[in-house]
Amino acid sequence: MSVEQVTDNAGELHWFKSSHSGSDGGDCVEVAAGPDAVYVRDSKAAGGGPILRIGRDEWAAFTALAAR
């Protein structure tokens, strides 16, 4: 897993806001699926903040563990 500033394809990704995020602008995360990884960012810093890049296998393991 790595944290990197994604600039080359960040605009091409289709971001989804967490369904647990409120509409009042509170703490929110956004997720986008790329061909080789899943990307996570803070919605308040969209377009200018760091983006967490997680490999697909690691994302699958994380979501399986979180679902338990």
N, C-alpha and C. Protein backbone atom coordinates (compact mmCIF):
# COMPACT_ATOMS: atom_id res chain seq x y z
N MET A 1 0.86 -1.16 0.00
CA MET A 1 0.00 0.00 0.00
C MET A 1 0.91 1.22 0.00
N SER A 2 0.48 2.28 -0.70
CA SER A 2 1.30 3.48 -0.75
C SER A 2 0.42 4.71 -0.73
N VAL A 3 0.98 5.78 -0.21
CA VAL A 3 0.32 7.08 -0.27
C VAL A 3 1.10 7.89 -1.28
N GLU A 4 0.40 8.43 -2.24
CA GLU A 4 1.07 9.21 -3.27
C GLU A 4 0.15 10.31 -3.78
N GLN A 5 0.73 11.35 -4.28
CA GLN A 5 -0.05 12.41 -4.91
C GLN A 5 -0.29 11.97 -6.34
N VAL A 6 -1.53 11.62 -6.64
CA VAL A 6 -1.89 11.16 -7.97
C VAL A 6 -2.30 12.37 -8.78
N THR A 7 -1.55 12.66 -9.82
CA THR A 7 -1.88 13.83 -10.64
C THR A 7 -2.15 13.45 -12.09
N ASP A 8 -1.63 12.33 -12.53
CA ASP A 8 -1.76 11.99 -13.94
C ASP A 8 -3.14 11.50 -14.32
N ASN A 9 -3.83 10.77 -13.45
CA ASN A 9 -5.14 10.26 -13.83
C ASN A 9 -6.23 10.59 -12.82
N ALA A 10 -5.96 11.44 -11.84
CA ALA A 10 -6.95 11.76 -10.81
C ALA A 10 -8.21 12.37 -11.41
N GLY A 11 -8.07 13.16 -12.45
CA GLY A 11 -9.22 13.77 -13.09
C GLY A 11 -10.04 12.79 -13.91
N GLU A 12 -9.45 11.68 -14.30
CA GLU A 12 -10.13 10.67 -15.10
C GLU A 12 -10.89 9.66 -14.24
N LEU A 13 -10.62 9.63 -12.96
CA LEU A 13 -11.27 8.67 -12.07
C LEU A 13 -12.68 9.13 -11.75
N HIS A 14 -13.60 8.18 -11.56
CA HIS A 14 -14.97 8.49 -11.17
C HIS A 14 -15.09 8.24 -9.68
N TRP A 15 -15.20 9.33 -8.91
CA TRP A 15 -15.20 9.26 -7.46
C TRP A 15 -16.60 9.05 -6.91
N PHE A 16 -16.69 8.24 -5.86
CA PHE A 16 -17.95 7.96 -5.15
C PHE A 16 -17.78 8.38 -3.70
N LYS A 17 -18.73 9.14 -3.17
CA LYS A 17 -18.71 9.55 -1.78
C LYS A 17 -19.33 8.43 -0.93
N SER A 18 -18.81 8.26 0.25
CA SER A 18 -19.32 7.25 1.17
C SER A 18 -20.81 7.45 1.42
N SER A 19 -21.56 6.37 1.45
CA SER A 19 -22.99 6.45 1.73
C SER A 19 -23.24 6.83 3.19
N HIS A 20 -22.22 6.78 4.02
CA HIS A 20 -22.36 7.17 5.42
C HIS A 20 -22.05 8.65 5.63
N SER A 21 -21.69 9.35 4.58
CA SER A 21 -21.38 10.77 4.68
C SER A 21 -22.68 11.57 4.74
N GLY A 22 -22.71 12.53 5.60
CA GLY A 22 -23.87 13.40 5.70
C GLY A 22 -23.82 14.49 4.65
N SER A 23 -24.89 15.22 4.52
CA SER A 23 -24.96 16.29 3.54
C SER A 23 -24.50 17.63 4.12
N ASP A 24 -24.07 17.65 5.38
CA ASP A 24 -23.68 18.90 6.02
C ASP A 24 -22.19 19.21 5.89
N GLY A 25 -21.47 18.47 5.04
CA GLY A 25 -20.06 18.76 4.80
C GLY A 25 -19.12 18.24 5.87
N GLY A 26 -19.52 17.24 6.61
CA GLY A 26 -18.68 16.67 7.66
C GLY A 26 -17.57 15.81 7.10
N ASP A 27 -17.09 14.90 7.92
CA ASP A 27 -15.99 14.02 7.52
C ASP A 27 -16.48 13.03 6.47
N CYS A 28 -15.86 13.05 5.31
CA CYS A 28 -16.28 12.20 4.20
C CYS A 28 -15.06 11.60 3.51
N VAL A 29 -15.25 10.42 2.99
CA VAL A 29 -14.24 9.81 2.13
C VAL A 29 -14.86 9.54 0.77
N GLU A 30 -14.03 9.60 -0.25
CA GLU A 30 -14.44 9.27 -1.60
C GLU A 30 -13.52 8.16 -2.10
N VAL A 31 -14.09 7.29 -2.91
CA VAL A 31 -13.35 6.14 -3.44
C VAL A 31 -13.53 6.10 -4.95
N ALA A 32 -12.47 5.73 -5.65
CA ALA A 32 -12.52 5.55 -7.11
C ALA A 32 -11.78 4.27 -7.45
N ALA A 33 -12.35 3.51 -8.37
CA ALA A 33 -11.71 2.26 -8.81
C ALA A 33 -10.97 2.51 -10.11
N GLY A 34 -9.68 2.22 -10.11
CA GLY A 34 -8.87 2.30 -11.31
C GLY A 34 -8.60 0.91 -11.84
N PRO A 35 -7.91 0.79 -12.96
CA PRO A 35 -7.66 -0.52 -13.55
C PRO A 35 -6.77 -1.42 -12.69
N ASP A 36 -5.88 -0.83 -11.90
CA ASP A 36 -4.94 -1.63 -11.12
C ASP A 36 -5.00 -1.37 -9.62
N ALA A 37 -5.83 -0.41 -9.20
CA ALA A 37 -5.86 -0.05 -7.79
C ALA A 37 -7.17 0.65 -7.46
N VAL A 38 -7.40 0.81 -6.16
CA VAL A 38 -8.52 1.59 -5.66
C VAL A 38 -7.91 2.82 -5.00
N TYR A 39 -8.53 3.97 -5.21
CA TYR A 39 -8.02 5.23 -4.70
C TYR A 39 -8.99 5.79 -3.67
N VAL A 40 -8.45 6.33 -2.58
CA VAL A 40 -9.26 6.89 -1.51
C VAL A 40 -8.74 8.29 -1.21
N ARG A 41 -9.67 9.24 -1.03
CA ARG A 41 -9.27 10.61 -0.69
C ARG A 41 -10.29 11.22 0.26
N ASP A 42 -9.90 12.29 0.90
CA ASP A 42 -10.77 13.08 1.76
C ASP A 42 -11.57 14.00 0.84
N SER A 43 -12.89 13.94 0.94
CA SER A 43 -13.71 14.72 0.01
C SER A 43 -13.52 16.22 0.20
N LYS A 44 -13.13 16.64 1.40
CA LYS A 44 -12.92 18.08 1.63
C LYS A 44 -11.67 18.58 0.92
N ALA A 45 -10.76 17.68 0.59
CA ALA A 45 -9.52 18.06 -0.09
C ALA A 45 -9.52 17.61 -1.54
N ALA A 46 -10.70 17.29 -2.07
CA ALA A 46 -10.81 16.77 -3.44
C ALA A 46 -10.11 17.69 -4.43
N GLY A 47 -9.28 17.09 -5.23
CA GLY A 47 -8.57 17.84 -6.26
C GLY A 47 -7.27 18.46 -5.79
N GLY A 48 -7.00 18.46 -4.49
CA GLY A 48 -5.77 19.09 -4.04
C GLY A 48 -5.06 18.36 -2.92
N GLY A 49 -5.69 17.37 -2.35
CA GLY A 49 -5.09 16.66 -1.24
C GLY A 49 -4.46 15.36 -1.67
N PRO A 50 -3.83 14.68 -0.74
CA PRO A 50 -3.22 13.39 -1.05
C PRO A 50 -4.27 12.33 -1.34
N ILE A 51 -3.88 11.36 -2.11
CA ILE A 51 -4.75 10.25 -2.49
C ILE A 51 -4.05 8.96 -2.08
N LEU A 52 -4.77 8.11 -1.36
CA LEU A 52 -4.24 6.82 -0.95
C LEU A 52 -4.51 5.82 -2.06
N ARG A 53 -3.45 5.20 -2.57
CA ARG A 53 -3.57 4.19 -3.63
C ARG A 53 -3.41 2.82 -3.00
N ILE A 54 -4.43 1.95 -3.18
CA ILE A 54 -4.43 0.62 -2.57
C ILE A 54 -4.60 -0.40 -3.68
N GLY A 55 -3.73 -1.40 -3.71
CA GLY A 55 -3.84 -2.46 -4.70
C GLY A 55 -5.18 -3.19 -4.56
N ARG A 56 -5.66 -3.76 -5.64
CA ARG A 56 -6.97 -4.42 -5.62
C ARG A 56 -7.03 -5.59 -4.63
N ASP A 57 -5.98 -6.37 -4.52
CA ASP A 57 -5.97 -7.48 -3.58
C ASP A 57 -6.03 -6.98 -2.14
N GLU A 58 -5.27 -5.93 -1.85
CA GLU A 58 -5.28 -5.35 -0.51
C GLU A 58 -6.65 -4.73 -0.19
N TRP A 59 -7.29 -4.10 -1.18
CA TRP A 59 -8.61 -3.51 -0.98
C TRP A 59 -9.64 -4.62 -0.69
N ALA A 60 -9.56 -5.72 -1.42
CA ALA A 60 -10.48 -6.84 -1.19
C ALA A 60 -10.30 -7.39 0.23
N ALA A 61 -9.06 -7.52 0.68
CA ALA A 61 -8.81 -8.00 2.03
C ALA A 61 -9.34 -7.02 3.07
N PHE A 62 -9.13 -5.73 2.84
CA PHE A 62 -9.63 -4.70 3.76
C PHE A 62 -11.15 -4.72 3.86
N THR A 63 -11.84 -4.76 2.74
CA THR A 63 -13.31 -4.73 2.76
C THR A 63 -13.87 -6.00 3.37
N ALA A 64 -13.22 -7.15 3.13
CA ALA A 64 -13.68 -8.40 3.74
C ALA A 64 -13.55 -8.33 5.25
N LEU A 65 -12.44 -7.78 5.73
CA LEU A 65 -12.22 -7.65 7.17
C LEU A 65 -13.20 -6.64 7.77
N ALA A 66 -13.42 -5.53 7.10
CA ALA A 66 -14.34 -4.50 7.59
C ALA A 66 -15.78 -5.00 7.63
N ALA A 67 -16.14 -5.88 6.71
CA ALA A 67 -17.50 -6.42 6.66
C ALA A 67 -17.79 -7.37 7.82
N ARG A 68 -16.75 -7.94 8.40
CA ARG A 68 -16.92 -8.86 9.53
C ARG A 68 -17.25 -8.05 10.71
